[in-house]
Structure formats: structure tokens, C-alpha cells
Amino acid sequence: MSKKVIVRADRAGVFFGELKSKNGNEVEMKNVRRLWYWEGACSLSQLAVDGTSKPDGCKFTVVVPEMTILDIIEIIPCTQKAIESIEGVKEWKI
């Protein structure tokens, strides 16, 4: 199984999903959600460790099966607690 991480890209935003591969500043991910807005964590570091304490205040998109993300700034491994919390946030969609 792939490692679940939060990835921050230079201009593309923040993503959560399974890290498939990394090549320089580019990553391939599976089962990806864009973390557009969050409450209940003061930073991405806390979100990756604790998850969110306010899931109803978060805006996390639908799951995209595969994605290539360019210009990666950071990759933060997620704890099991954070994974369960992030995956428990209702999909934000119209």
C-alpha cells in the first residue's frame, strides 16, 4: 500500500492522497483530494499529525483516481489518526 501524505505545491495548492512516485519536484499520486480550505488545525503539519477537529468547516474535494502534481514544496507523511480524520470529511462539491 502507498504511503498517505499531504503535498503542498507552489501554485497548485494542497493535496492529500497516496504517494505513488516522486521525480524531482513532481509527484504521481492516487486517490487524491485537494484540501481547499480547512478548520480545526493551525497548519498543514498539525493537519498531517492530528487531522481536523472541525470537519464540518473543511472544504476537501472529491477523490480523483490519479494525478500528477508539479512544483512540489513539501511532502508531509500523515498519521493514521490524521488519515481517518481527513478521509472522514464530507466531499465538498456543488
PDB file of N, CA and C in Angstrom:
ATOM      1  N   MET A   1       0.845  -1.186   0.000  1.00  0.00           N
ATOM      2  CA  MET A   1       0.000   0.000   0.000  1.00  0.00           C
ATOM      3  C   MET A   1       0.888   1.247   0.000  1.00  0.00           C
ATOM      4  N   SER A   2       0.448   2.264  -0.722  1.00  0.00           N
ATOM      5  CA  SER A   2       1.178   3.519  -0.798  1.00  0.00           C
ATOM      6  C   SER A   2       1.040   4.309   0.491  1.00  0.00           C
ATOM      7  N   LYS A   3       2.027   5.129   0.753  1.00  0.00           N
ATOM      8  CA  LYS A   3       2.020   5.995   1.923  1.00  0.00           C
ATOM      9  C   LYS A   3       1.083   7.180   1.673  1.00  0.00           C
ATOM     10  N   LYS A   4       0.235   7.503   2.651  1.00  0.00           N
ATOM     11  CA  LYS A   4      -0.675   8.643   2.519  1.00  0.00           C
ATOM     12  C   LYS A   4       0.007   9.891   3.063  1.00  0.00           C
ATOM     13  N   VAL A   5      -0.070  10.945   2.258  1.00  0.00           N
ATOM     14  CA  VAL A   5       0.663  12.173   2.557  1.00  0.00           C
ATOM     15  C   VAL A   5      -0.179  13.401   2.222  1.00  0.00           C
ATOM     16  N   ILE A   6       0.268  14.536   2.747  1.00  0.00           N
ATOM     17  CA  ILE A   6      -0.219  15.844   2.318  1.00  0.00           C
ATOM     18  C   ILE A   6       0.914  16.462   1.518  1.00  0.00           C
ATOM     19  N   VAL A   7       0.583  16.956   0.331  1.00  0.00           N
ATOM     20  CA  VAL A   7       1.559  17.572  -0.564  1.00  0.00           C
ATOM     21  C   VAL A   7       1.163  19.025  -0.788  1.00  0.00           C
ATOM     22  N   ARG A   8       2.145  19.921  -0.678  1.00  0.00           N
ATOM     23  CA  ARG A   8       1.909  21.338  -0.985  1.00  0.00           C
ATOM     24  C   ARG A   8       2.702  21.675  -2.227  1.00  0.00           C
ATOM     25  N   ALA A   9       1.991  22.212  -3.220  1.00  0.00           N
ATOM     26  CA  ALA A   9       2.628  22.606  -4.476  1.00  0.00           C
ATOM     27  C   ALA A   9       2.756  24.121  -4.521  1.00  0.00           C
ATOM     28  N   ASP A  10       3.685  24.601  -5.325  1.00  0.00           N
ATOM     29  CA  ASP A  10       3.966  26.029  -5.382  1.00  0.00           C
ATOM     30  C   ASP A  10       2.740  26.867  -5.725  1.00  0.00           C
ATOM     31  N   ARG A  11       2.065  26.552  -6.821  1.00  0.00           N
ATOM     32  CA  ARG A  11       0.913  27.351  -7.224  1.00  0.00           C
ATOM     33  C   ARG A  11      -0.374  26.544  -7.356  1.00  0.00           C
ATOM     34  N   ALA A  12      -0.305  25.249  -7.168  1.00  0.00           N
ATOM     35  CA  ALA A  12      -1.476  24.399  -7.389  1.00  0.00           C
ATOM     36  C   ALA A  12      -2.280  24.133  -6.127  1.00  0.00           C
ATOM     37  N   GLY A  13      -1.726  24.398  -4.956  1.00  0.00           N
ATOM     38  CA  GLY A  13      -2.470  24.185  -3.722  1.00  0.00           C
ATOM     39  C   GLY A  13      -1.961  23.016  -2.905  1.00  0.00           C
ATOM     40  N   VAL A  14      -2.881  22.449  -2.122  1.00  0.00           N
ATOM     41  CA  VAL A  14      -2.555  21.397  -1.159  1.00  0.00           C
ATOM     42  C   VAL A  14      -3.383  20.162  -1.489  1.00  0.00           C
ATOM     43  N   PHE A  15      -2.750  18.989  -1.405  1.00  0.00           N
ATOM     44  CA  PHE A  15      -3.391  17.740  -1.788  1.00  0.00           C
ATOM     45  C   PHE A  15      -3.149  16.668  -0.735  1.00  0.00           C
ATOM     46  N   PHE A  16      -4.113  15.746  -0.612  1.00  0.00           N
ATOM     47  CA  PHE A  16      -3.992  14.585   0.268  1.00  0.00           C
ATOM     48  C   PHE A  16      -4.234  13.346  -0.574  1.00  0.00           C
ATOM     49  N   GLY A  17      -3.396  12.346  -0.409  1.00  0.00           N
ATOM     50  CA  GLY A  17      -3.605  11.093  -1.123  1.00  0.00           C
ATOM     51  C   GLY A  17      -2.433  10.152  -0.954  1.00  0.00           C
ATOM     52  N   GLU A  18      -2.410   9.142  -1.811  1.00  0.00           N
ATOM     53  CA  GLU A  18      -1.374   8.114  -1.765  1.00  0.00           C
ATOM     54  C   GLU A  18      -0.229   8.500  -2.692  1.00  0.00           C
ATOM     55  N   LEU A  19       0.964   8.598  -2.140  1.00  0.00           N
ATOM     56  CA  LEU A  19       2.148   8.925  -2.923  1.00  0.00           C
ATOM     57  C   LEU A  19       2.564   7.696  -3.725  1.00  0.00           C
ATOM     58  N   LYS A  20       2.490   7.825  -5.043  1.00  0.00           N
ATOM     59  CA  LYS A  20       2.833   6.717  -5.939  1.00  0.00           C
ATOM     60  C   LYS A  20       4.307   6.779  -6.322  1.00  0.00           C
ATOM     61  N   SER A  21       4.770   7.980  -6.717  1.00  0.00           N
ATOM     62  CA  SER A  21       6.181   8.144  -7.058  1.00  0.00           C
ATOM     63  C   SER A  21       6.563   9.614  -7.003  1.00  0.00           C
ATOM     64  N   LYS A  22       7.876   9.857  -6.912  1.00  0.00           N
ATOM     65  CA  LYS A  22       8.416  11.210  -6.874  1.00  0.00           C
ATOM     66  C   LYS A  22       9.601  11.266  -7.823  1.00  0.00           C
ATOM     67  N   ASN A  23       9.642  12.334  -8.629  1.00  0.00           N
ATOM     68  CA  ASN A  23      10.747  12.544  -9.550  1.00  0.00           C
ATOM     69  C   ASN A  23      11.078  14.027  -9.527  1.00  0.00           C
ATOM     70  N   GLY A  24      12.126  14.394  -8.806  1.00  0.00           N
ATOM     71  CA  GLY A  24      12.453  15.811  -8.651  1.00  0.00           C
ATOM     72  C   GLY A  24      11.334  16.530  -7.908  1.00  0.00           C
ATOM     73  N   ASN A  25      10.798  17.593  -8.508  1.00  0.00           N
ATOM     74  CA  ASN A  25       9.719  18.364  -7.888  1.00  0.00           C
ATOM     75  C   ASN A  25       8.345  17.944  -8.400  1.00  0.00           C
ATOM     76  N   GLU A  26       8.239  16.731  -8.910  1.00  0.00           N
ATOM     77  CA  GLU A  26       6.987  16.212  -9.462  1.00  0.00           C
ATOM     78  C   GLU A  26       6.608  14.943  -8.720  1.00  0.00           C
ATOM     79  N   VAL A  27       5.324  14.806  -8.405  1.00  0.00           N
ATOM     80  CA  VAL A  27       4.849  13.568  -7.777  1.00  0.00           C
ATOM     81  C   VAL A  27       3.660  13.018  -8.539  1.00  0.00           C
ATOM     82  N   GLU A  28       3.544  11.702  -8.507  1.00  0.00           N
ATOM     83  CA  GLU A  28       2.371  10.990  -9.005  1.00  0.00           C
ATOM     84  C   GLU A  28       1.632  10.519  -7.756  1.00  0.00           C
ATOM     85  N   MET A  29       0.314  10.778  -7.711  1.00  0.00           N
ATOM     86  CA  MET A  29      -0.487  10.375  -6.561  1.00  0.00           C
ATOM     87  C   MET A  29      -1.728   9.625  -7.014  1.00  0.00           C
ATOM     88  N   LYS A  30      -2.276   8.817  -6.104  1.00  0.00           N
ATOM     89  CA  LYS A  30      -3.523   8.090  -6.334  1.00  0.00           C
ATOM     90  C   LYS A  30      -4.525   8.513  -5.271  1.00  0.00           C
ATOM     91  N   ASN A  31      -5.806   8.425  -5.624  1.00  0.00           N
ATOM     92  CA  ASN A  31      -6.895   8.706  -4.683  1.00  0.00           C
ATOM     93  C   ASN A  31      -6.676  10.051  -3.986  1.00  0.00           C
ATOM     94  N   VAL A  32      -6.659  11.098  -4.790  1.00  0.00           N
ATOM     95  CA  VAL A  32      -6.241  12.432  -4.361  1.00  0.00           C
ATOM     96  C   VAL A  32      -7.431  13.342  -4.086  1.00  0.00           C
ATOM     97  N   ARG A  33      -7.335  14.093  -2.994  1.00  0.00           N
ATOM     98  CA  ARG A  33      -8.296  15.159  -2.681  1.00  0.00           C
ATOM     99  C   ARG A  33      -7.533  16.467  -2.546  1.00  0.00           C
ATOM    100  N   ARG A  34      -8.064  17.522  -3.137  1.00  0.00           N
ATOM    101  CA  ARG A  34      -7.499  18.855  -2.932  1.00  0.00           C
ATOM    102  C   ARG A  34      -8.051  19.376  -1.602  1.00  0.00           C
ATOM    103  N   LEU A  35      -7.165  19.838  -0.749  1.00  0.00           N
ATOM    104  CA  LEU A  35      -7.567  20.414   0.548  1.00  0.00           C
ATOM    105  C   LEU A  35      -7.658  21.920   0.336  1.00  0.00           C
ATOM    106  N   TRP A  36      -8.830  22.369  -0.091  1.00  0.00           N
ATOM    107  CA  TRP A  36      -9.018  23.750  -0.493  1.00  0.00           C
ATOM    108  C   TRP A  36      -9.071  24.692   0.707  1.00  0.00           C
ATOM    109  N   TYR A  37      -9.691  24.241   1.793  1.00  0.00           N
ATOM    110  CA  TYR A  37      -9.844  25.067   2.998  1.00  0.00           C
ATOM    111  C   TYR A  37     -10.024  24.129   4.180  1.00  0.00           C
ATOM    112  N   TRP A  38      -9.411  24.472   5.308  1.00  0.00           N
ATOM    113  CA  TRP A  38      -9.604  23.636   6.498  1.00  0.00           C
ATOM    114  C   TRP A  38      -9.729  24.491   7.741  1.00  0.00           C
ATOM    115  N   GLU A  39     -10.437  23.935   8.708  1.00  0.00           N
ATOM    116  CA  GLU A  39     -10.535  24.478  10.067  1.00  0.00           C
ATOM    117  C   GLU A  39     -10.181  23.336  11.007  1.00  0.00           C
ATOM    118  N   GLY A  40      -9.851  23.675  12.232  1.00  0.00           N
ATOM    119  CA  GLY A  40      -9.577  22.643  13.219  1.00  0.00           C
ATOM    120  C   GLY A  40      -8.142  22.142  13.241  1.00  0.00           C
ATOM    121  N   ALA A  41      -7.245  22.860  12.556  1.00  0.00           N
ATOM    122  CA  ALA A  41      -5.807  22.594  12.595  1.00  0.00           C
ATOM    123  C   ALA A  41      -5.133  23.904  12.224  1.00  0.00           C
ATOM    124  N   CYS A  42      -4.095  24.272  12.949  1.00  0.00           N
ATOM    125  CA  CYS A  42      -3.478  25.584  12.715  1.00  0.00           C
ATOM    126  C   CYS A  42      -2.493  25.585  11.556  1.00  0.00           C
ATOM    127  N   SER A  43      -2.113  24.412  11.061  1.00  0.00           N
ATOM    128  CA  SER A  43      -1.140  24.334   9.968  1.00  0.00           C
ATOM    129  C   SER A  43      -1.276  22.986   9.273  1.00  0.00           C
ATOM    130  N   LEU A  44      -0.612  22.865   8.140  1.00  0.00           N
ATOM    131  CA  LEU A  44      -0.589  21.572   7.455  1.00  0.00           C
ATOM    132  C   LEU A  44       0.117  20.517   8.299  1.00  0.00           C
ATOM    133  N   SER A  45       1.108  20.939   9.064  1.00  0.00           N
ATOM    134  CA  SER A  45       1.813  20.000   9.946  1.00  0.00           C
ATOM    135  C   SER A  45       0.850  19.391  10.958  1.00  0.00           C
ATOM    136  N   GLN A  46       0.031  20.230  11.586  1.00  0.00           N
ATOM    137  CA  GLN A  46      -0.939  19.710  12.549  1.00  0.00           C
ATOM    138  C   GLN A  46      -1.995  18.865  11.858  1.00  0.00           C
ATOM    139  N   LEU A  47      -2.425  19.278  10.669  1.00  0.00           N
ATOM    140  CA  LEU A  47      -3.412  18.501   9.920  1.00  0.00           C
ATOM    141  C   LEU A  47      -2.870  17.104   9.617  1.00  0.00           C
ATOM    142  N   ALA A  48      -1.576  16.993   9.282  1.00  0.00           N
ATOM    143  CA  ALA A  48      -0.958  15.706   8.966  1.00  0.00           C
ATOM    144  C   ALA A  48      -0.765  14.820  10.198  1.00  0.00           C
ATOM    145  N   VAL A  49      -0.677  15.432  11.374  1.00  0.00           N
ATOM    146  CA  VAL A  49      -0.475  14.671  12.613  1.00  0.00           C
ATOM    147  C   VAL A  49      -1.802  14.380  13.317  1.00  0.00           C
ATOM    148  N   ASP A  50      -2.634  15.410  13.477  1.00  0.00           N
ATOM    149  CA  ASP A  50      -3.871  15.286  14.263  1.00  0.00           C
ATOM    150  C   ASP A  50      -5.143  15.194  13.439  1.00  0.00           C
ATOM    151  N   GLY A  51      -5.086  15.584  12.164  1.00  0.00           N
ATOM    152  CA  GLY A  51      -6.319  15.701  11.396  1.00  0.00           C
ATOM    153  C   GLY A  51      -7.018  16.987  11.781  1.00  0.00           C
ATOM    154  N   THR A  52      -8.298  17.072  11.496  1.00  0.00           N
ATOM    155  CA  THR A  52      -9.069  18.271  11.811  1.00  0.00           C
ATOM    156  C   THR A  52     -10.028  18.023  12.963  1.00  0.00           C
ATOM    157  N   SER A  53     -10.152  18.994  13.842  1.00  0.00           N
ATOM    158  CA  SER A  53     -11.136  18.890  14.927  1.00  0.00           C
ATOM    159  C   SER A  53     -12.465  19.511  14.513  1.00  0.00           C
ATOM    160  N   LYS A  54     -12.528  20.095  13.307  1.00  0.00           N
ATOM    161  CA  LYS A  54     -13.753  20.727  12.804  1.00  0.00           C
ATOM    162  C   LYS A  54     -14.028  20.276  11.366  1.00  0.00           C
ATOM    163  N   PRO A  55     -14.378  19.014  11.176  1.00  0.00           N
ATOM    164  CA  PRO A  55     -14.579  18.506   9.816  1.00  0.00           C
ATOM    165  C   PRO A  55     -15.682  19.217   9.045  1.00  0.00           C
ATOM    166  N   ASP A  56     -16.695  19.724   9.730  1.00  0.00           N
ATOM    167  CA  ASP A  56     -17.785  20.416   9.038  1.00  0.00           C
ATOM    168  C   ASP A  56     -17.352  21.764   8.475  1.00  0.00           C
ATOM    169  N   GLY A  57     -16.234  22.303   8.942  1.00  0.00           N
ATOM    170  CA  GLY A  57     -15.732  23.577   8.446  1.00  0.00           C
ATOM    171  C   GLY A  57     -14.716  23.432   7.323  1.00  0.00           C
ATOM    172  N   CYS A  58     -14.440  22.190   6.898  1.00  0.00           N
ATOM    173  CA  CYS A  58     -13.424  21.944   5.870  1.00  0.00           C
ATOM    174  C   CYS A  58     -14.042  21.846   4.482  1.00  0.00           C
ATOM    175  N   LYS A  59     -13.247  22.210   3.479  1.00  0.00           N
ATOM    176  CA  LYS A  59     -13.641  22.085   2.079  1.00  0.00           C
ATOM    177  C   LYS A  59     -12.589  21.232   1.382  1.00  0.00           C
ATOM    178  N   PHE A  60     -12.853  19.917   1.347  1.00  0.00           N
ATOM    179  CA  PHE A  60     -11.989  18.944   0.698  1.00  0.00           C
ATOM    180  C   PHE A  60     -12.759  18.373  -0.491  1.00  0.00           C
ATOM    181  N   THR A  61     -12.151  18.368  -1.672  1.00  0.00           N
ATOM    182  CA  THR A  61     -12.851  17.993  -2.895  1.00  0.00           C
ATOM    183  C   THR A  61     -13.131  16.496  -3.000  1.00  0.00           C
ATOM    184  N   VAL A  62     -13.745  16.138  -4.130  1.00  0.00           N
ATOM    185  CA  VAL A  62     -13.973  14.733  -4.467  1.00  0.00           C
ATOM    186  C   VAL A  62     -12.623  14.040  -4.656  1.00  0.00           C
ATOM    187  N   VAL A  63     -12.643  12.726  -4.632  1.00  0.00           N
ATOM    188  CA  VAL A  63     -11.420  11.946  -4.833  1.00  0.00           C
ATOM    189  C   VAL A  63     -11.173  11.772  -6.333  1.00  0.00           C
ATOM    190  N   VAL A  64      -9.974  12.131  -6.761  1.00  0.00           N
ATOM    191  CA  VAL A  64      -9.543  11.939  -8.151  1.00  0.00           C
ATOM    192  C   VAL A  64      -8.665  10.688  -8.175  1.00  0.00           C
ATOM    193  N   PRO A  65      -8.946   9.722  -9.068  1.00  0.00           N
ATOM    194  CA  PRO A  65      -8.206   8.458  -9.051  1.00  0.00           C
ATOM    195  C   PRO A  65      -6.690   8.588  -9.196  1.00  0.00           C
ATOM    196  N   GLU A  66      -6.217   9.461 -10.088  1.00  0.00           N
ATOM    197  CA  GLU A  66      -4.768   9.658 -10.283  1.00  0.00           C
ATOM    198  C   GLU A  66      -4.499  11.099 -10.641  1.00  0.00           C
ATOM    199  N   MET A  67      -3.323  11.585 -10.241  1.00  0.00           N
ATOM    200  CA  MET A  67      -2.972  12.975 -10.515  1.00  0.00           C
ATOM    201  C   MET A  67      -1.456  13.125 -10.515  1.00  0.00           C
ATOM    202  N   THR A  68      -0.962  13.984 -11.400  1.00  0.00           N
ATOM    203  CA  THR A  68       0.432  14.403 -11.411  1.00  0.00           C
ATOM    204  C   THR A  68       0.459  15.828 -10.895  1.00  0.00           C
ATOM    205  N   ILE A  69       1.310  16.094  -9.923  1.00  0.00           N
ATOM    206  CA  ILE A  69       1.401  17.428  -9.333  1.00  0.00           C
ATOM    207  C   ILE A  69       2.833  17.916  -9.505  1.00  0.00           C
ATOM    208  N   LEU A  70       2.962  19.129 -10.028  1.00  0.00           N
ATOM    209  CA  LEU A  70       4.270  19.718 -10.315  1.00  0.00           C
ATOM    210  C   LEU A  70       4.639  20.757  -9.272  1.00  0.00           C
ATOM    211  N   ASP A  71       5.906  21.120  -9.232  1.00  0.00           N
ATOM    212  CA  ASP A  71       6.421  22.182  -8.350  1.00  0.00           C
ATOM    213  C   ASP A  71       6.098  21.941  -6.878  1.00  0.00           C
ATOM    214  N   ILE A  72       6.437  20.760  -6.394  1.00  0.00           N
ATOM    215  CA  ILE A  72       6.191  20.382  -5.003  1.00  0.00           C
ATOM    216  C   ILE A  72       7.113  21.156  -4.068  1.00  0.00           C
ATOM    217  N   ILE A  73       6.529  21.716  -3.013  1.00  0.00           N
ATOM    218  CA  ILE A  73       7.293  22.438  -2.000  1.00  0.00           C
ATOM    219  C   ILE A  73       7.547  21.539  -0.787  1.00  0.00           C
ATOM    220  N   GLU A  74       6.520  20.766  -0.396  1.00  0.00           N
ATOM    221  CA  GLU A  74       6.713  19.864   0.747  1.00  0.00           C
ATOM    222  C   GLU A  74       5.812  18.647   0.635  1.00  0.00           C
ATOM    223  N   ILE A  75       6.269  17.556   1.245  1.00  0.00           N
ATOM    224  CA  ILE A  75       5.525  16.308   1.354  1.00  0.00           C
ATOM    225  C   ILE A  75       5.528  15.942   2.830  1.00  0.00           C
ATOM    226  N   ILE A  76       4.334  15.836   3.426  1.00  0.00           N
ATOM    227  CA  ILE A  76       4.224  15.562   4.856  1.00  0.00           C
ATOM    228  C   ILE A  76       3.513  14.218   5.050  1.00  0.00           C
ATOM    229  N   PRO A  77       4.182  13.216   5.615  1.00  0.00           N
ATOM    230  CA  PRO A  77       3.529  11.939   5.889  1.00  0.00           C
ATOM    231  C   PRO A  77       2.403  12.129   6.916  1.00  0.00           C
ATOM    232  N   CYS A  78       1.319  11.392   6.750  1.00  0.00           N
ATOM    233  CA  CYS A  78       0.170  11.502   7.658  1.00  0.00           C
ATOM    234  C   CYS A  78       0.135  10.336   8.645  1.00  0.00           C
ATOM    235  N   THR A  79      -0.295  10.636   9.858  1.00  0.00           N
ATOM    236  CA  THR A  79      -0.510   9.593  10.853  1.00  0.00           C
ATOM    237  C   THR A  79      -1.840   8.901  10.557  1.00  0.00           C
ATOM    238  N   GLN A  80      -2.047   7.753  11.149  1.00  0.00           N
ATOM    239  CA  GLN A  80      -3.318   7.042  10.978  1.00  0.00           C
ATOM    240  C   GLN A  80      -4.472   7.890  11.499  1.00  0.00           C
ATOM    241  N   LYS A  81      -4.267   8.584  12.603  1.00  0.00           N
ATOM    242  CA  LYS A  81      -5.297   9.473  13.159  1.00  0.00           C
ATOM    243  C   LYS A  81      -5.687  10.547  12.142  1.00  0.00           C
ATOM    244  N   ALA A  82      -4.707  11.157  11.500  1.00  0.00           N
ATOM    245  CA  ALA A  82      -4.971  12.201  10.511  1.00  0.00           C
ATOM    246  C   ALA A  82      -5.660  11.629   9.276  1.00  0.00           C
ATOM    247  N   ILE A  83      -5.223  10.463   8.825  1.00  0.00           N
ATOM    248  CA  ILE A  83      -5.821   9.820   7.655  1.00  0.00           C
ATOM    249  C   ILE A  83      -7.305   9.591   7.883  1.00  0.00           C
ATOM    250  N   GLU A  84      -7.651   9.031   9.021  1.00  0.00           N
ATOM    251  CA  GLU A  84      -9.055   8.761   9.336  1.00  0.00           C
ATOM    252  C   GLU A  84      -9.858  10.060   9.397  1.00  0.00           C
ATOM    253  N   SER A  85      -9.272  11.099   9.969  1.00  0.00           N
ATOM    254  CA  SER A  85      -9.945  12.388  10.080  1.00  0.00           C
ATOM    255  C   SER A  85     -10.179  13.014   8.707  1.00  0.00           C
ATOM    256  N   ILE A  86      -9.140  13.079   7.884  1.00  0.00           N
ATOM    257  CA  ILE A  86      -9.244  13.701   6.557  1.00  0.00           C
ATOM    258  C   ILE A  86     -10.205  12.917   5.672  1.00  0.00           C
ATOM    259  N   GLU A  87     -10.087  11.604   5.687  1.00  0.00           N
ATOM    260  CA  GLU A  87     -10.985  10.775   4.866  1.00  0.00           C
ATOM    261  C   GLU A  87     -12.430  10.851   5.347  1.00  0.00           C
ATOM    262  N   GLY A  88     -12.634  11.238   6.600  1.00  0.00           N
ATOM    263  CA  GLY A  88     -13.979  11.371   7.152  1.00  0.00           C
ATOM    264  C   GLY A  88     -14.665  12.674   6.805  1.00  0.00           C
ATOM    265  N   VAL A  89     -13.941  13.618   6.229  1.00  0.00           N
ATOM    266  CA  VAL A  89     -14.533  14.910   5.853  1.00  0.00           C
ATOM    267  C   VAL A  89     -15.404  14.700   4.604  1.00  0.00           C
ATOM    268  N   LYS A  90     -16.639  15.178   4.671  1.00  0.00           N
ATOM    269  CA  LYS A  90     -17.577  15.077   3.563  1.00  0.00           C
ATOM    270  C   LYS A  90     -17.020  15.790   2.337  1.00  0.00           C
ATOM    271  N   GLU A  91     -17.235  15.187   1.157  1.00  0.00           N
ATOM    272  CA  GLU A  91     -16.773  15.806  -0.094  1.00  0.00           C
ATOM    273  C   GLU A  91     -17.457  17.161  -0.315  1.00  0.00           C
ATOM    274  N   TRP A  92     -16.647  18.140  -0.636  1.00  0.00           N
ATOM    275  CA  TRP A  92     -17.140  19.477  -0.927  1.00  0.00           C
ATOM    276  C   TRP A  92     -17.380  19.578  -2.416  1.00  0.00           C
ATOM    277  N   LYS A  93     -18.634  19.699  -2.809  1.00  0.00           N
ATOM    278  CA  LYS A  93     -18.968  19.796  -4.231  1.00  0.00           C
ATOM    279  C   LYS A  93     -20.332  20.473  -4.389  1.00  0.00           C
ATOM    280  N   ILE A  94     -20.567  20.903  -5.592  1.00  0.00           N
ATOM    281  CA  ILE A  94     -21.838  21.578  -5.903  1.00  0.00           C
ATOM    282  C   ILE A  94     -22.791  20.583  -6.502  1.00  0.00           C
TER     283      ILE A  94
END
